[in-house]
Amino acid sequence: MNVFITGGCGFIGSHLAERLVERGDSVTVLDDLSTGSMENVAHLVGRPGFQHRIGSALDRPLVSELVDRADVTVHLAAAVGVRLIVERPVHTIETNVGATETVLAAAAKKGKLVVVASTSEVYGKSTLVPFREDHDLQLGPTSHSRWAYACSKALDEWLSLAYAHEKGVPVIVVRLFNTVGPRQTGRYGMVLPNFARQALRGEPITVYGTGDQSRCFAHVRDSVEGMLRLIDTPAAINEVFNIGSTEETTIRRLAEQVRDAAGSTSPIVTVPYSEAYAAGFEDMLRRVPDVTKLEHATGFRPRTPLSQIIRDVVDDQRARLTEQRRPRPASAAS
């Protein structure tokens, strides 16, 4: 199978590319490196079946060329991270909706399958937990840029299903719930790698809000497995699926577990949302997926325990910190 991945140098994209190459598929990744990194795919460069292109998913001629060559396109490129979304809502909306439309338009020419990555954020402020794919979505007011990402990804979903209905493009929409693991950075507010780095450095572990809000964290290898299973499932075409763990924990408890796994004595401190982001910032108390639909369609559901996920992230951040502290060799000119 020939797979094209937008955002392929990002955290999830690089793991997906790695898995595909390992099983013998051909993979082309496209990334503008705004949030992704060549470091994530450096170990794949030069391996049979792997190619990378530096460029934007908004580049219509380039995307059209790469979609045409592929059997399946996995569209992961997006503006990500709460901080980036709050600070740059225009960029968020233009990037997310524009890139998705570009990919779908290219796929429509030959009816190529597209997997569109969405997010648990689309459920917004809903309190009907666990979240099921056919539940109503409840977003906050347009005056709060915090909801720009959720709105843009919901529009991505509608656009995908509209292309399926009107233009015959086979699509699969996946709503990812807090995918975490090695290679993820805390650059844009990702909570688990941030906690791990703070704990390993002996710095205060900063919990935004009260810490009573709860989340479910899925290992990236489980999210990748879920996507691959869906690609191989004909009944998944033109459907929406949650992919996530159902093991729930509060953010405060997560901080405690990370501190223990790191062998740290870092204090845990809370920071009001108004100080972390902006006045009026809203968050959801609980975010838990119902993955019944995924399991019924594919026989798979994410099962990696949170304790293992935390160990993997702590080990990854420890390796990163060790590498950063390693003395660099002197240049030949010195």
Protein backbone atom coordinates (compact mmCIF):
# COMPACT_ATOMS: atom_id res chain seq x y z
CA MET A 1 0.00 0.00 0.00
CA ASN A 2 1.20 3.50 -0.84
CA VAL A 3 0.31 5.95 1.94
CA PHE A 4 0.60 9.74 1.92
CA ILE A 5 0.69 11.44 5.34
CA THR A 6 0.24 15.19 5.78
CA GLY A 7 1.90 16.39 8.97
CA GLY A 8 4.07 13.29 8.70
CA CYS A 9 7.02 14.74 10.60
CA GLY A 10 4.83 15.44 13.61
CA PHE A 11 4.43 13.32 16.71
CA ILE A 12 1.58 11.07 15.54
CA GLY A 13 2.53 11.19 11.86
CA SER A 14 6.06 9.97 12.51
CA HIS A 15 4.82 6.99 14.52
CA LEU A 16 2.32 6.13 11.79
CA ALA A 17 5.03 6.39 9.11
CA GLU A 18 7.34 4.20 11.16
CA ARG A 19 4.71 1.51 11.59
CA LEU A 20 3.85 1.53 7.87
CA VAL A 21 7.49 1.28 6.80
CA GLU A 22 8.07 -1.57 9.25
CA ARG A 23 5.25 -3.58 7.72
CA GLY A 24 6.49 -2.99 4.17
CA ASP A 25 4.26 -0.19 2.91
CA SER A 26 5.49 2.79 0.88
CA VAL A 27 5.15 6.10 2.71
CA THR A 28 5.47 9.72 1.66
CA VAL A 29 5.25 12.37 4.36
CA LEU A 30 4.65 16.07 3.85
CA ASP A 31 5.36 18.63 6.56
CA ASP A 32 6.13 22.35 6.72
CA LEU A 33 8.02 21.76 10.01
CA SER A 34 6.06 24.48 11.80
CA THR A 35 5.26 22.05 14.62
CA GLY A 36 6.77 18.83 13.27
CA SER A 37 10.49 18.05 13.16
CA MET A 38 12.82 16.14 10.86
CA GLU A 39 14.26 14.64 14.03
CA ASN A 40 11.07 12.60 14.36
CA VAL A 41 11.66 10.79 11.05
CA ALA A 42 15.46 10.92 10.86
CA HIS A 43 15.62 7.16 11.55
CA LEU A 44 13.38 6.52 8.51
CA VAL A 45 15.32 8.62 5.99
CA GLY A 46 17.08 6.32 3.55
CA ARG A 47 14.94 3.29 4.35
CA PRO A 48 13.23 1.56 1.41
CA GLY A 49 9.74 2.87 0.82
CA PHE A 50 10.11 6.12 2.76
CA GLN A 51 10.11 9.60 1.21
CA HIS A 52 9.71 13.03 2.73
CA ARG A 53 8.77 16.38 1.25
CA ILE A 54 9.07 19.74 2.97
CA GLY A 55 6.05 21.85 2.16
CA SER A 56 2.58 22.95 3.16
CA ALA A 57 -0.67 21.00 3.06
CA LEU A 58 -2.13 24.23 1.67
CA ASP A 59 0.01 23.87 -1.49
CA ARG A 60 -2.60 22.61 -3.96
CA PRO A 61 -0.30 21.45 -6.80
CA LEU A 62 2.01 19.62 -4.40
CA VAL A 63 -0.80 18.00 -2.43
CA SER A 64 -2.59 16.99 -5.63
CA GLU A 65 0.56 15.30 -6.92
CA LEU A 66 1.11 13.35 -3.69
CA VAL A 67 -2.55 12.34 -3.27
CA ASP A 68 -2.59 11.06 -6.87
CA ARG A 69 0.39 8.80 -6.17
CA ALA A 70 -1.09 7.32 -3.00
CA ASP A 71 -3.67 4.64 -2.32
CA VAL A 72 -4.61 6.28 0.98
CA THR A 73 -4.04 9.77 2.40
CA VAL A 74 -3.92 10.26 6.16
CA HIS A 75 -4.50 13.94 6.84
CA LEU A 76 -2.88 14.88 10.15
CA ALA A 77 -1.54 18.36 9.35
CA ALA A 78 -3.17 20.95 11.61
CA ALA A 79 -2.57 23.83 13.97
CA VAL A 80 -2.27 22.14 17.36
CA GLY A 81 -1.87 23.00 21.03
CA VAL A 82 -4.07 25.09 23.28
CA ARG A 83 -1.56 27.93 23.59
CA LEU A 84 -1.10 28.28 19.82
CA ILE A 85 -4.86 28.17 19.30
CA VAL A 86 -5.56 30.89 21.85
CA GLU A 87 -2.77 33.12 20.58
CA ARG A 88 -3.29 32.59 16.82
CA PRO A 89 -6.95 31.80 16.09
CA VAL A 90 -6.80 33.10 12.50
CA HIS A 91 -3.88 30.79 11.73
CA THR A 92 -5.75 27.92 13.39
CA ILE A 93 -8.91 28.31 11.32
CA GLU A 94 -7.16 28.99 8.01
CA THR A 95 -4.71 26.13 8.44
CA ASN A 96 -7.16 23.50 9.59
CA VAL A 97 -10.04 24.17 7.22
CA GLY A 98 -7.92 25.21 4.25
CA ALA A 99 -5.61 22.20 4.37
CA THR A 100 -8.50 19.76 4.76
CA GLU A 101 -10.30 21.25 1.75
CA THR A 102 -7.07 21.06 -0.26
CA VAL A 103 -6.62 17.36 0.52
CA LEU A 104 -10.26 16.47 -0.13
CA ALA A 105 -10.34 18.35 -3.43
CA ALA A 106 -7.27 16.44 -4.58
CA ALA A 107 -8.77 13.12 -3.49
CA ALA A 108 -12.02 13.86 -5.32
CA LYS A 109 -10.28 13.70 -8.71
CA LYS A 110 -9.80 9.94 -8.50
CA GLY A 111 -11.91 8.94 -5.50
CA LYS A 112 -8.94 8.24 -3.23
CA LEU A 113 -9.51 7.25 0.40
CA VAL A 114 -8.78 9.97 2.99
CA VAL A 115 -8.47 9.49 6.73
CA VAL A 116 -9.15 12.84 8.40
CA ALA A 117 -7.83 13.35 11.92
CA SER A 118 -10.26 15.21 14.16
CA THR A 119 -10.27 15.65 17.91
CA SER A 120 -12.19 15.12 21.13
CA GLU A 121 -12.32 18.92 21.34
CA VAL A 122 -15.32 18.89 18.99
CA TYR A 123 -17.50 17.66 21.86
CA GLY A 124 -16.89 21.05 23.46
CA LYS A 125 -18.65 21.67 26.76
CA SER A 126 -20.89 18.62 26.57
CA THR A 127 -21.45 16.87 29.90
CA LEU A 128 -22.94 13.73 28.35
CA VAL A 129 -20.03 11.43 29.26
CA PRO A 130 -18.77 9.14 27.80
CA PHE A 131 -18.78 10.95 24.46
CA ARG A 132 -20.31 8.99 21.61
CA GLU A 133 -19.89 9.78 17.93
CA ASP A 134 -23.60 10.58 17.42
CA HIS A 135 -23.87 12.91 20.41
CA ASP A 136 -24.63 16.60 19.91
CA LEU A 137 -21.66 18.98 19.97
CA GLN A 138 -21.71 21.93 22.36
CA LEU A 139 -19.18 24.67 21.68
CA GLY A 140 -18.60 27.90 23.55
CA PRO A 141 -19.22 31.44 22.22
CA THR A 142 -17.41 32.75 19.20
CA SER A 143 -16.04 35.60 21.31
CA HIS A 144 -13.68 33.09 22.98
CA SER A 145 -10.83 32.09 20.66
CA ARG A 146 -10.35 28.98 22.78
CA TRP A 147 -13.12 27.32 20.72
CA ALA A 148 -11.59 28.16 17.33
CA TYR A 149 -9.80 24.82 17.14
CA ALA A 150 -12.88 22.77 18.04
CA CYS A 151 -14.97 24.71 15.55
CA SER A 152 -12.40 24.32 12.76
CA LYS A 153 -12.11 20.56 13.32
CA ALA A 154 -15.89 20.14 13.43
CA LEU A 155 -16.02 21.98 10.11
CA ASP A 156 -13.32 19.62 8.82
CA GLU A 157 -15.62 16.71 9.69
CA TRP A 158 -18.63 18.26 7.96
CA LEU A 159 -16.52 19.08 4.93
CA SER A 160 -15.20 15.51 4.76
CA LEU A 161 -18.65 13.97 4.94
CA ALA A 162 -19.95 16.51 2.41
CA TYR A 163 -17.22 15.47 -0.05
CA ALA A 164 -18.20 11.85 0.59
CA HIS A 165 -21.86 12.59 -0.13
CA GLU A 166 -21.53 14.98 -3.07
CA LYS A 167 -18.30 13.94 -4.76
CA GLY A 168 -17.95 10.28 -3.81
CA VAL A 169 -14.73 10.65 -1.84
CA PRO A 170 -14.35 7.74 0.61
CA VAL A 171 -13.45 9.22 4.00
CA ILE A 172 -12.89 8.02 7.54
CA VAL A 173 -12.99 10.60 10.34
CA VAL A 174 -11.12 9.77 13.55
CA ARG A 175 -11.62 11.77 16.74
CA LEU A 176 -8.40 11.39 18.72
CA PHE A 177 -8.49 11.70 22.51
CA ASN A 178 -5.26 12.97 24.10
CA THR A 179 -2.77 10.86 22.18
CA VAL A 180 0.57 10.81 24.00
CA GLY A 181 3.90 8.99 23.95
CA PRO A 182 7.56 9.25 22.91
CA ARG A 183 8.51 12.16 20.60
CA GLN A 184 5.71 14.39 21.85
CA THR A 185 6.95 17.77 23.04
CA GLY A 186 5.34 20.22 25.44
CA ARG A 187 6.04 23.12 23.10
CA TYR A 188 2.37 23.98 22.62
CA GLY A 189 0.98 23.05 26.01
CA MET A 190 0.83 19.24 25.81
CA VAL A 191 0.37 18.35 29.43
CA LEU A 192 2.10 14.99 29.90
CA PRO A 193 5.52 15.82 28.38
CA ASN A 194 5.46 19.16 30.20
CA PHE A 195 4.83 17.42 33.53
CA ALA A 196 7.58 14.88 32.82
CA ARG A 197 10.16 17.52 31.93
CA GLN A 198 9.32 19.65 34.96
CA ALA A 199 9.53 16.63 37.27
CA LEU A 200 12.87 15.47 35.86
CA ARG A 201 14.32 18.96 36.27
CA GLY A 202 13.03 19.27 39.82
CA GLU A 203 10.90 22.25 38.81
CA PRO A 204 7.37 22.90 40.09
CA ILE A 205 4.84 20.85 38.15
CA THR A 206 2.29 23.38 36.94
CA VAL A 207 -1.33 22.26 36.84
CA TYR A 208 -3.66 24.68 35.06
CA GLY A 209 -7.03 25.23 36.68
CA THR A 210 -7.92 23.31 39.84
CA GLY A 211 -6.54 19.98 38.66
CA ASP A 212 -9.93 18.35 39.20
CA GLN A 213 -10.61 18.18 35.46
CA SER A 214 -10.19 14.63 34.16
CA ARG A 215 -8.87 13.22 30.89
CA CYS A 216 -8.10 9.89 29.23
CA PHE A 217 -4.67 9.41 27.64
CA ALA A 218 -4.05 6.96 24.78
CA HIS A 219 -0.62 5.66 23.81
CA VAL A 220 0.36 6.79 20.30
CA ARG A 221 0.89 3.20 19.21
CA ASP A 222 -2.75 2.46 20.10
CA SER A 223 -3.97 5.49 18.14
CA VAL A 224 -1.90 4.36 15.16
CA GLU A 225 -3.23 0.82 15.46
CA GLY A 226 -6.79 2.14 15.54
CA MET A 227 -6.26 4.16 12.35
CA LEU A 228 -4.66 1.25 10.52
CA ARG A 229 -7.46 -1.11 11.53
CA LEU A 230 -10.04 1.36 10.23
CA ILE A 231 -8.21 1.75 6.90
CA ASP A 232 -8.49 -2.03 6.47
CA THR A 233 -12.22 -2.05 7.37
CA PRO A 234 -14.56 -1.37 4.43
CA ALA A 235 -17.48 -0.72 6.80
CA ALA A 236 -15.55 2.23 8.27
CA ILE A 237 -15.90 4.27 5.08
CA ASN A 238 -17.82 7.54 5.54
CA GLU A 239 -18.08 7.04 9.30
CA VAL A 240 -16.77 8.88 12.38
CA PHE A 241 -14.86 7.03 15.11
CA ASN A 242 -13.53 7.91 18.54
CA ILE A 243 -10.01 6.60 19.20
CA GLY A 244 -8.88 6.86 22.80
CA SER A 245 -8.37 5.17 26.11
CA THR A 246 -11.22 4.95 28.61
CA GLU A 247 -8.91 5.00 31.65
CA GLU A 248 -9.80 8.31 33.31
CA THR A 249 -7.61 10.36 35.66
CA THR A 250 -7.63 13.87 37.04
CA ILE A 251 -4.87 16.22 35.98
CA ARG A 252 -3.73 16.57 39.58
CA ARG A 253 -3.49 12.80 39.93
CA LEU A 254 -1.60 12.68 36.63
CA ALA A 255 0.94 15.14 38.01
CA GLU A 256 1.39 12.95 41.08
CA GLN A 257 1.87 9.82 38.95
CA VAL A 258 4.41 11.55 36.73
CA ARG A 259 6.33 12.82 39.77
CA ASP A 260 6.45 9.30 41.21
CA ALA A 261 7.55 7.76 37.90
CA ALA A 262 10.34 10.34 37.58
CA GLY A 263 11.50 9.81 41.18
CA SER A 264 11.09 13.54 41.69
CA THR A 265 10.31 15.73 44.68
CA SER A 266 8.90 18.58 42.59
CA PRO A 267 6.03 20.47 44.21
CA ILE A 268 2.72 20.52 42.38
CA VAL A 269 1.31 24.01 41.94
CA THR A 270 -1.95 25.19 40.40
CA VAL A 271 -2.12 28.12 38.00
CA PRO A 272 -5.49 29.78 37.22
CA TYR A 273 -6.57 29.56 33.59
CA SER A 274 -6.75 33.34 33.47
CA GLU A 275 -3.00 33.49 34.14
CA ALA A 276 -2.04 30.55 31.93
CA TYR A 277 -4.05 31.63 28.88
CA ALA A 278 -6.48 34.54 29.04
CA ALA A 279 -9.41 35.90 30.98
CA GLY A 280 -12.56 33.92 30.34
CA PHE A 281 -10.74 30.73 29.26
CA GLU A 282 -13.02 27.71 29.60
CA ASP A 283 -12.20 24.05 29.98
CA MET A 284 -14.18 20.81 30.21
CA LEU A 285 -14.47 18.98 33.52
CA ARG A 286 -14.41 15.52 31.92
CA ARG A 287 -13.48 14.14 28.53
CA VAL A 288 -14.02 10.40 28.15
CA PRO A 289 -14.60 8.52 24.88
CA ASP A 290 -17.05 5.77 24.13
CA VAL A 291 -15.03 3.44 21.85
CA THR A 292 -17.75 0.84 21.33
CA LYS A 293 -18.10 1.77 17.66
CA LEU A 294 -14.36 1.37 17.04
CA GLU A 295 -14.27 -2.01 18.79
CA HIS A 296 -17.34 -3.32 16.98
CA ALA A 297 -15.92 -2.27 13.59
CA THR A 298 -12.33 -3.44 14.06
CA GLY A 299 -12.13 -5.68 17.12
CA PHE A 300 -9.65 -3.22 18.64
CA ARG A 301 -9.71 -0.70 21.46
CA PRO A 302 -6.77 1.13 23.12
CA ARG A 303 -5.69 -0.80 26.22
CA THR A 304 -2.19 0.41 27.13
CA PRO A 305 -2.43 1.31 30.85
CA LEU A 306 -1.74 4.87 31.91
CA SER A 307 1.11 3.71 34.15
CA GLN A 308 2.96 2.35 31.10
CA ILE A 309 2.21 5.47 29.07
CA ILE A 310 3.66 7.65 31.83
CA ARG A 311 6.81 5.50 32.04
CA ASP A 312 7.33 5.75 28.28
CA VAL A 313 6.93 9.55 28.29
CA VAL A 314 9.20 10.01 31.32
CA ASP A 315 11.87 7.79 29.71
CA ASP A 316 11.62 9.77 26.47
CA GLN A 317 11.92 13.12 28.24
CA ARG A 318 14.83 11.83 30.33
CA ALA A 319 16.65 10.83 27.14
CA ARG A 320 15.95 14.26 25.61
CA LEU A 321 17.33 16.06 28.67
CA THR A 322 20.41 13.84 28.70
CA GLU A 323 21.04 14.63 25.03
CA GLN A 324 20.63 18.37 25.66
CA ARG A 325 23.22 18.25 28.47
CA ARG A 326 25.75 16.28 26.44
CA PRO A 327 28.81 18.41 25.53
CA ARG A 328 29.02 19.24 21.83
CA PRO A 329 32.28 18.37 20.01
CA ALA A 330 34.51 21.33 19.29
CA SER A 331 34.51 22.53 15.68
CA ALA A 332 37.53 21.88 13.51
CA ALA A 333 38.23 25.61 13.37
CA SER A 334 38.62 26.00 17.12
